[in-house]
Amino acid sequence: MIFPYVVADENIPGEVVAELQKLGHKVYWIAREQPGISDRDVWQIAASRNALLLTRDFRFLPQLSKDEVLHGPQVLVFVANGIENSELQAAEVMTDFMSWYFRNLIQKDWHHVSITVEGKKK
C-alpha cells in the first residue's frame, strides 16, 4: 500500500494525527507547525507538498476556485455536526475513513471527498 503524505488541518485531533503516523503516513499537522494560518495557506502547503489534505472544515472548499480544486491537492472533509462525545468524533472513525479512502479512491481521479454526519446533541 502507498502511504501518502498528509497535511492535517488545525482542526484535526492529535489522536488522529498520531494514528495516521502509526499507520505509516508522514503527517504535517498545522496545529503543531503553523497554528492560526489561513485556509488558503493550508491548501498551499498541501499543494506544494503534493499531499492529501485532511480537514473538518466544511467551509474549506467553497473558498477555492473550481480551477484550484481541480488542480490542487486531493481533499478529505469529515464533519460531524451536533454530535458531542460520540464515537463519530473519535480518532478511530476518522482513521477508518482515511483507510477506506486509501483503499478505494487514492488512485482515482477524485479531487475531494466529503462526509457529513448530522445529529442532535443529547
N, C-alpha and C. Protein backbone atom coordinates (compact mmCIF):
# COMPACT_ATOMS: atom_id res chain seq x y z
N MET A 1 0.83 -1.19 0.00
CA MET A 1 0.00 0.00 0.00
C MET A 1 0.87 1.24 0.00
N ILE A 2 0.46 2.24 -0.74
CA ILE A 2 1.13 3.53 -0.76
C ILE A 2 0.69 4.33 0.47
N PHE A 3 1.62 4.93 1.17
CA PHE A 3 1.29 5.75 2.33
C PHE A 3 1.51 7.21 1.97
N PRO A 4 0.46 7.87 1.51
CA PRO A 4 0.62 9.25 1.06
C PRO A 4 0.95 10.21 2.20
N TYR A 5 1.57 11.29 1.80
CA TYR A 5 1.86 12.38 2.71
C TYR A 5 0.54 13.07 3.01
N VAL A 6 0.30 13.42 4.27
CA VAL A 6 -0.96 14.03 4.69
C VAL A 6 -0.67 15.38 5.34
N VAL A 7 -1.42 16.39 4.94
CA VAL A 7 -1.44 17.66 5.66
C VAL A 7 -2.74 17.66 6.45
N ALA A 8 -2.63 17.67 7.77
CA ALA A 8 -3.79 17.66 8.66
C ALA A 8 -4.06 19.09 9.10
N ASP A 9 -5.26 19.56 8.80
CA ASP A 9 -5.66 20.91 9.19
C ASP A 9 -5.59 21.06 10.70
N GLU A 10 -5.62 22.29 11.17
CA GLU A 10 -5.51 22.58 12.59
C GLU A 10 -6.65 21.94 13.39
N ASN A 11 -7.79 21.71 12.75
CA ASN A 11 -8.95 21.17 13.45
C ASN A 11 -8.96 19.64 13.54
N ILE A 12 -7.93 19.00 13.09
CA ILE A 12 -7.83 17.54 13.18
C ILE A 12 -7.23 17.20 14.55
N PRO A 13 -7.92 16.33 15.31
CA PRO A 13 -7.42 15.98 16.65
C PRO A 13 -6.04 15.30 16.61
N GLY A 14 -5.26 15.55 17.64
CA GLY A 14 -3.94 14.95 17.75
C GLY A 14 -3.97 13.43 17.73
N GLU A 15 -5.07 12.84 18.24
CA GLU A 15 -5.19 11.38 18.24
C GLU A 15 -5.25 10.85 16.81
N VAL A 16 -5.88 11.60 15.92
CA VAL A 16 -5.96 11.19 14.51
C VAL A 16 -4.58 11.28 13.87
N VAL A 17 -3.87 12.36 14.14
CA VAL A 17 -2.52 12.54 13.61
C VAL A 17 -1.63 11.39 14.09
N ALA A 18 -1.68 11.08 15.38
CA ALA A 18 -0.85 10.00 15.93
C ALA A 18 -1.20 8.66 15.28
N GLU A 19 -2.48 8.39 15.08
CA GLU A 19 -2.90 7.12 14.47
C GLU A 19 -2.44 7.04 13.02
N LEU A 20 -2.54 8.13 12.28
CA LEU A 20 -2.07 8.14 10.89
C LEU A 20 -0.57 7.87 10.83
N GLN A 21 0.18 8.45 11.76
CA GLN A 21 1.62 8.22 11.81
C GLN A 21 1.92 6.76 12.14
N LYS A 22 1.15 6.16 13.05
CA LYS A 22 1.32 4.74 13.37
C LYS A 22 1.07 3.87 12.15
N LEU A 23 0.15 4.30 11.29
CA LEU A 23 -0.18 3.54 10.08
C LEU A 23 0.88 3.71 8.99
N GLY A 24 1.85 4.62 9.21
CA GLY A 24 2.94 4.77 8.25
C GLY A 24 2.91 6.04 7.43
N HIS A 25 1.96 6.94 7.70
CA HIS A 25 1.87 8.19 6.95
C HIS A 25 2.77 9.26 7.55
N LYS A 26 3.40 10.03 6.69
CA LYS A 26 4.10 11.23 7.14
C LYS A 26 3.04 12.32 7.20
N VAL A 27 2.91 12.97 8.37
CA VAL A 27 1.85 13.95 8.58
C VAL A 27 2.44 15.30 8.97
N TYR A 28 2.01 16.32 8.24
CA TYR A 28 2.33 17.71 8.58
C TYR A 28 1.07 18.26 9.24
N TRP A 29 1.14 18.49 10.57
CA TRP A 29 -0.04 18.91 11.33
C TRP A 29 0.02 20.42 11.55
N ILE A 30 -0.93 21.12 10.98
CA ILE A 30 -0.96 22.58 11.06
C ILE A 30 -0.99 23.06 12.51
N ALA A 31 -1.73 22.39 13.39
CA ALA A 31 -1.82 22.80 14.80
C ALA A 31 -0.45 22.83 15.48
N ARG A 32 0.45 21.97 15.06
CA ARG A 32 1.79 21.92 15.65
C ARG A 32 2.77 22.82 14.89
N GLU A 33 2.67 22.83 13.58
CA GLU A 33 3.67 23.52 12.76
C GLU A 33 3.39 25.00 12.50
N GLN A 34 2.13 25.34 12.21
CA GLN A 34 1.80 26.73 11.87
C GLN A 34 0.37 27.08 12.32
N PRO A 35 0.08 27.00 13.61
CA PRO A 35 -1.29 27.26 14.06
C PRO A 35 -1.74 28.67 13.69
N GLY A 36 -3.02 28.77 13.35
CA GLY A 36 -3.61 30.08 13.07
C GLY A 36 -3.49 30.57 11.64
N ILE A 37 -2.84 29.82 10.75
CA ILE A 37 -2.72 30.29 9.37
C ILE A 37 -4.07 30.14 8.65
N SER A 38 -4.20 30.82 7.55
CA SER A 38 -5.47 30.83 6.81
C SER A 38 -5.69 29.49 6.09
N ASP A 39 -6.96 29.24 5.74
CA ASP A 39 -7.29 28.04 4.98
C ASP A 39 -6.54 28.00 3.66
N ARG A 40 -6.43 29.14 3.02
CA ARG A 40 -5.72 29.19 1.74
C ARG A 40 -4.24 28.81 1.92
N ASP A 41 -3.64 29.24 3.03
CA ASP A 41 -2.25 28.86 3.30
C ASP A 41 -2.13 27.36 3.56
N VAL A 42 -3.11 26.79 4.26
CA VAL A 42 -3.13 25.34 4.49
C VAL A 42 -3.20 24.63 3.14
N TRP A 43 -4.09 25.09 2.28
CA TRP A 43 -4.25 24.49 0.95
C TRP A 43 -2.94 24.60 0.17
N GLN A 44 -2.27 25.74 0.25
CA GLN A 44 -1.00 25.94 -0.47
C GLN A 44 0.08 24.96 0.03
N ILE A 45 0.11 24.73 1.34
CA ILE A 45 1.08 23.79 1.89
C ILE A 45 0.82 22.39 1.33
N ALA A 46 -0.44 21.97 1.34
CA ALA A 46 -0.78 20.64 0.81
C ALA A 46 -0.44 20.56 -0.68
N ALA A 47 -0.74 21.60 -1.43
CA ALA A 47 -0.46 21.60 -2.87
C ALA A 47 1.04 21.55 -3.12
N SER A 48 1.82 22.32 -2.39
CA SER A 48 3.26 22.37 -2.62
C SER A 48 3.95 21.05 -2.26
N ARG A 49 3.34 20.28 -1.37
CA ARG A 49 3.92 19.00 -0.95
C ARG A 49 3.28 17.81 -1.64
N ASN A 50 2.36 18.10 -2.56
CA ASN A 50 1.62 17.04 -3.26
C ASN A 50 1.01 16.08 -2.24
N ALA A 51 0.41 16.66 -1.21
CA ALA A 51 -0.12 15.90 -0.08
C ALA A 51 -1.64 15.82 -0.13
N LEU A 52 -2.17 14.86 0.57
CA LEU A 52 -3.60 14.75 0.78
C LEU A 52 -3.94 15.69 1.93
N LEU A 53 -4.95 16.53 1.76
CA LEU A 53 -5.36 17.49 2.79
C LEU A 53 -6.55 16.92 3.55
N LEU A 54 -6.43 16.81 4.87
CA LEU A 54 -7.50 16.32 5.74
C LEU A 54 -7.98 17.48 6.60
N THR A 55 -9.30 17.73 6.56
CA THR A 55 -9.88 18.83 7.34
C THR A 55 -11.24 18.44 7.87
N ARG A 56 -11.70 19.16 8.89
CA ARG A 56 -13.06 19.02 9.40
C ARG A 56 -13.86 20.28 9.11
N ASP A 57 -13.34 21.14 8.28
CA ASP A 57 -13.95 22.43 7.96
C ASP A 57 -14.77 22.35 6.67
N PHE A 58 -16.10 22.31 6.80
CA PHE A 58 -16.96 22.21 5.62
C PHE A 58 -16.93 23.47 4.78
N ARG A 59 -16.39 24.57 5.30
CA ARG A 59 -16.30 25.83 4.55
C ARG A 59 -15.01 25.92 3.75
N PHE A 60 -14.18 24.90 3.85
CA PHE A 60 -12.87 24.95 3.21
C PHE A 60 -12.98 25.03 1.69
N LEU A 61 -13.64 24.08 1.06
CA LEU A 61 -13.69 24.00 -0.40
C LEU A 61 -14.41 25.17 -1.06
N PRO A 62 -15.52 25.68 -0.51
CA PRO A 62 -16.18 26.81 -1.18
C PRO A 62 -15.32 28.06 -1.30
N GLN A 63 -14.24 28.16 -0.54
CA GLN A 63 -13.34 29.31 -0.63
C GLN A 63 -12.44 29.26 -1.87
N LEU A 64 -12.35 28.08 -2.47
CA LEU A 64 -11.43 27.88 -3.58
C LEU A 64 -12.15 27.97 -4.92
N SER A 65 -11.42 28.35 -5.94
CA SER A 65 -12.00 28.37 -7.28
C SER A 65 -12.08 26.94 -7.82
N LYS A 66 -12.89 26.74 -8.84
CA LYS A 66 -13.01 25.42 -9.46
C LYS A 66 -11.64 24.96 -9.96
N ASP A 67 -10.87 25.86 -10.55
CA ASP A 67 -9.55 25.52 -11.07
C ASP A 67 -8.62 25.07 -9.94
N GLU A 68 -8.69 25.75 -8.79
CA GLU A 68 -7.86 25.35 -7.65
C GLU A 68 -8.24 23.95 -7.16
N VAL A 69 -9.53 23.68 -7.08
CA VAL A 69 -9.98 22.36 -6.62
C VAL A 69 -9.54 21.29 -7.60
N LEU A 70 -9.69 21.56 -8.90
CA LEU A 70 -9.37 20.56 -9.91
C LEU A 70 -7.87 20.32 -10.07
N HIS A 71 -7.05 21.34 -9.78
CA HIS A 71 -5.61 21.21 -10.00
C HIS A 71 -4.79 21.26 -8.72
N GLY A 72 -5.46 21.21 -7.59
CA GLY A 72 -4.76 21.25 -6.31
C GLY A 72 -4.68 19.87 -5.69
N PRO A 73 -4.39 19.83 -4.42
CA PRO A 73 -4.27 18.55 -3.73
C PRO A 73 -5.63 17.88 -3.56
N GLN A 74 -5.63 16.57 -3.37
CA GLN A 74 -6.87 15.90 -3.02
C GLN A 74 -7.23 16.31 -1.61
N VAL A 75 -8.54 16.44 -1.35
CA VAL A 75 -9.02 16.94 -0.07
C VAL A 75 -10.05 15.96 0.50
N LEU A 76 -9.89 15.62 1.77
CA LEU A 76 -10.88 14.84 2.51
C LEU A 76 -11.47 15.72 3.59
N VAL A 77 -12.80 15.82 3.61
CA VAL A 77 -13.50 16.61 4.62
C VAL A 77 -14.38 15.66 5.43
N PHE A 78 -14.21 15.66 6.74
CA PHE A 78 -15.03 14.85 7.64
C PHE A 78 -15.66 15.78 8.66
N VAL A 79 -17.00 15.87 8.66
CA VAL A 79 -17.71 16.77 9.57
C VAL A 79 -18.77 15.98 10.31
N ALA A 80 -18.82 16.12 11.62
CA ALA A 80 -19.88 15.53 12.44
C ALA A 80 -20.51 16.69 13.22
N ASN A 81 -21.65 17.15 12.76
CA ASN A 81 -22.33 18.30 13.37
C ASN A 81 -23.35 17.85 14.41
N GLY A 82 -23.41 18.60 15.52
CA GLY A 82 -24.43 18.35 16.53
C GLY A 82 -24.22 17.08 17.32
N ILE A 83 -23.03 16.53 17.26
CA ILE A 83 -22.75 15.29 17.98
C ILE A 83 -21.54 15.53 18.86
N GLU A 84 -21.74 15.39 20.16
CA GLU A 84 -20.64 15.61 21.09
C GLU A 84 -20.32 14.32 21.84
N ASN A 85 -19.08 14.16 22.20
CA ASN A 85 -18.65 13.00 22.98
C ASN A 85 -19.16 11.70 22.37
N SER A 86 -19.03 11.59 21.10
CA SER A 86 -19.57 10.44 20.39
C SER A 86 -18.46 9.72 19.66
N GLU A 87 -18.71 8.45 19.38
CA GLU A 87 -17.75 7.70 18.59
C GLU A 87 -17.58 8.30 17.19
N LEU A 88 -18.54 9.11 16.73
CA LEU A 88 -18.41 9.73 15.42
C LEU A 88 -17.33 10.81 15.40
N GLN A 89 -16.94 11.28 16.56
CA GLN A 89 -15.88 12.28 16.66
C GLN A 89 -14.53 11.62 16.96
N ALA A 90 -14.53 10.33 17.18
CA ALA A 90 -13.33 9.64 17.65
C ALA A 90 -12.28 9.47 16.56
N ALA A 91 -11.05 9.36 17.00
CA ALA A 91 -9.93 9.16 16.08
C ALA A 91 -10.12 7.90 15.26
N GLU A 92 -10.69 6.86 15.86
CA GLU A 92 -10.88 5.59 15.15
C GLU A 92 -11.77 5.77 13.92
N VAL A 93 -12.84 6.55 14.06
CA VAL A 93 -13.75 6.76 12.93
C VAL A 93 -13.04 7.53 11.82
N MET A 94 -12.32 8.57 12.18
CA MET A 94 -11.62 9.38 11.17
C MET A 94 -10.53 8.56 10.48
N THR A 95 -9.79 7.77 11.23
CA THR A 95 -8.74 6.97 10.60
C THR A 95 -9.33 5.83 9.77
N ASP A 96 -10.46 5.29 10.19
CA ASP A 96 -11.14 4.30 9.35
C ASP A 96 -11.60 4.93 8.04
N PHE A 97 -12.11 6.14 8.11
CA PHE A 97 -12.50 6.88 6.92
C PHE A 97 -11.30 7.08 6.00
N MET A 98 -10.16 7.47 6.58
CA MET A 98 -8.94 7.65 5.79
C MET A 98 -8.50 6.32 5.17
N SER A 99 -8.55 5.25 5.94
CA SER A 99 -8.16 3.93 5.41
C SER A 99 -9.06 3.52 4.25
N TRP A 100 -10.35 3.75 4.39
CA TRP A 100 -11.29 3.46 3.30
C TRP A 100 -10.90 4.26 2.05
N TYR A 101 -10.60 5.51 2.25
CA TYR A 101 -10.20 6.37 1.13
C TYR A 101 -8.94 5.82 0.46
N PHE A 102 -7.95 5.46 1.25
CA PHE A 102 -6.69 4.97 0.69
C PHE A 102 -6.89 3.65 -0.07
N ARG A 103 -7.76 2.80 0.45
CA ARG A 103 -8.02 1.52 -0.22
C ARG A 103 -8.81 1.69 -1.52
N ASN A 104 -9.72 2.64 -1.56
CA ASN A 104 -10.68 2.71 -2.66
C ASN A 104 -10.53 3.87 -3.63
N LEU A 105 -9.99 4.99 -3.19
CA LEU A 105 -10.06 6.18 -4.04
C LEU A 105 -8.75 6.88 -4.33
N ILE A 106 -7.70 6.60 -3.61
CA ILE A 106 -6.47 7.38 -3.75
C ILE A 106 -5.91 7.35 -5.17
N GLN A 107 -6.07 6.26 -5.87
CA GLN A 107 -5.53 6.16 -7.23
C GLN A 107 -6.50 6.65 -8.30
N LYS A 108 -7.70 7.02 -7.89
CA LYS A 108 -8.69 7.51 -8.84
C LYS A 108 -8.58 9.02 -8.97
N ASP A 109 -9.26 9.56 -9.93
CA ASP A 109 -9.16 10.99 -10.22
C ASP A 109 -10.20 11.79 -9.43
N TRP A 110 -10.30 11.54 -8.14
CA TRP A 110 -11.22 12.28 -7.29
C TRP A 110 -10.48 13.48 -6.74
N HIS A 111 -11.13 14.62 -6.73
CA HIS A 111 -10.49 15.84 -6.23
C HIS A 111 -10.78 16.07 -4.75
N HIS A 112 -11.98 15.66 -4.34
CA HIS A 112 -12.29 15.74 -2.92
C HIS A 112 -13.42 14.77 -2.58
N VAL A 113 -13.41 14.37 -1.32
CA VAL A 113 -14.45 13.54 -0.76
C VAL A 113 -14.88 14.22 0.54
N SER A 114 -16.19 14.33 0.72
CA SER A 114 -16.71 14.97 1.92
C SER A 114 -17.76 14.08 2.55
N ILE A 115 -17.61 13.84 3.85
CA ILE A 115 -18.61 13.09 4.60
C ILE A 115 -19.09 13.99 5.72
N THR A 116 -20.42 14.16 5.79
CA THR A 116 -21.02 14.97 6.85
C THR A 116 -22.04 14.11 7.57
N VAL A 117 -21.92 14.06 8.88
CA VAL A 117 -22.86 13.34 9.72
C VAL A 117 -23.60 14.37 10.56
N GLU A 118 -24.91 14.36 10.48
CA GLU A 118 -25.73 15.31 11.25
C GLU A 118 -26.41 14.59 12.40
N GLY A 119 -26.53 15.24 13.53
CA GLY A 119 -27.20 14.63 14.68
C GLY A 119 -27.68 15.72 15.63
N LYS A 120 -28.26 15.29 16.70
CA LYS A 120 -28.74 16.22 17.73
C LYS A 120 -27.95 15.97 19.01
N LYS A 121 -27.62 17.07 19.67
CA LYS A 121 -26.92 16.96 20.94
C LYS A 121 -27.84 16.32 21.96
N LYS A 122 -27.26 15.46 22.79
CA LYS A 122 -28.05 14.81 23.84
C LYS A 122 -27.81 15.49 25.17
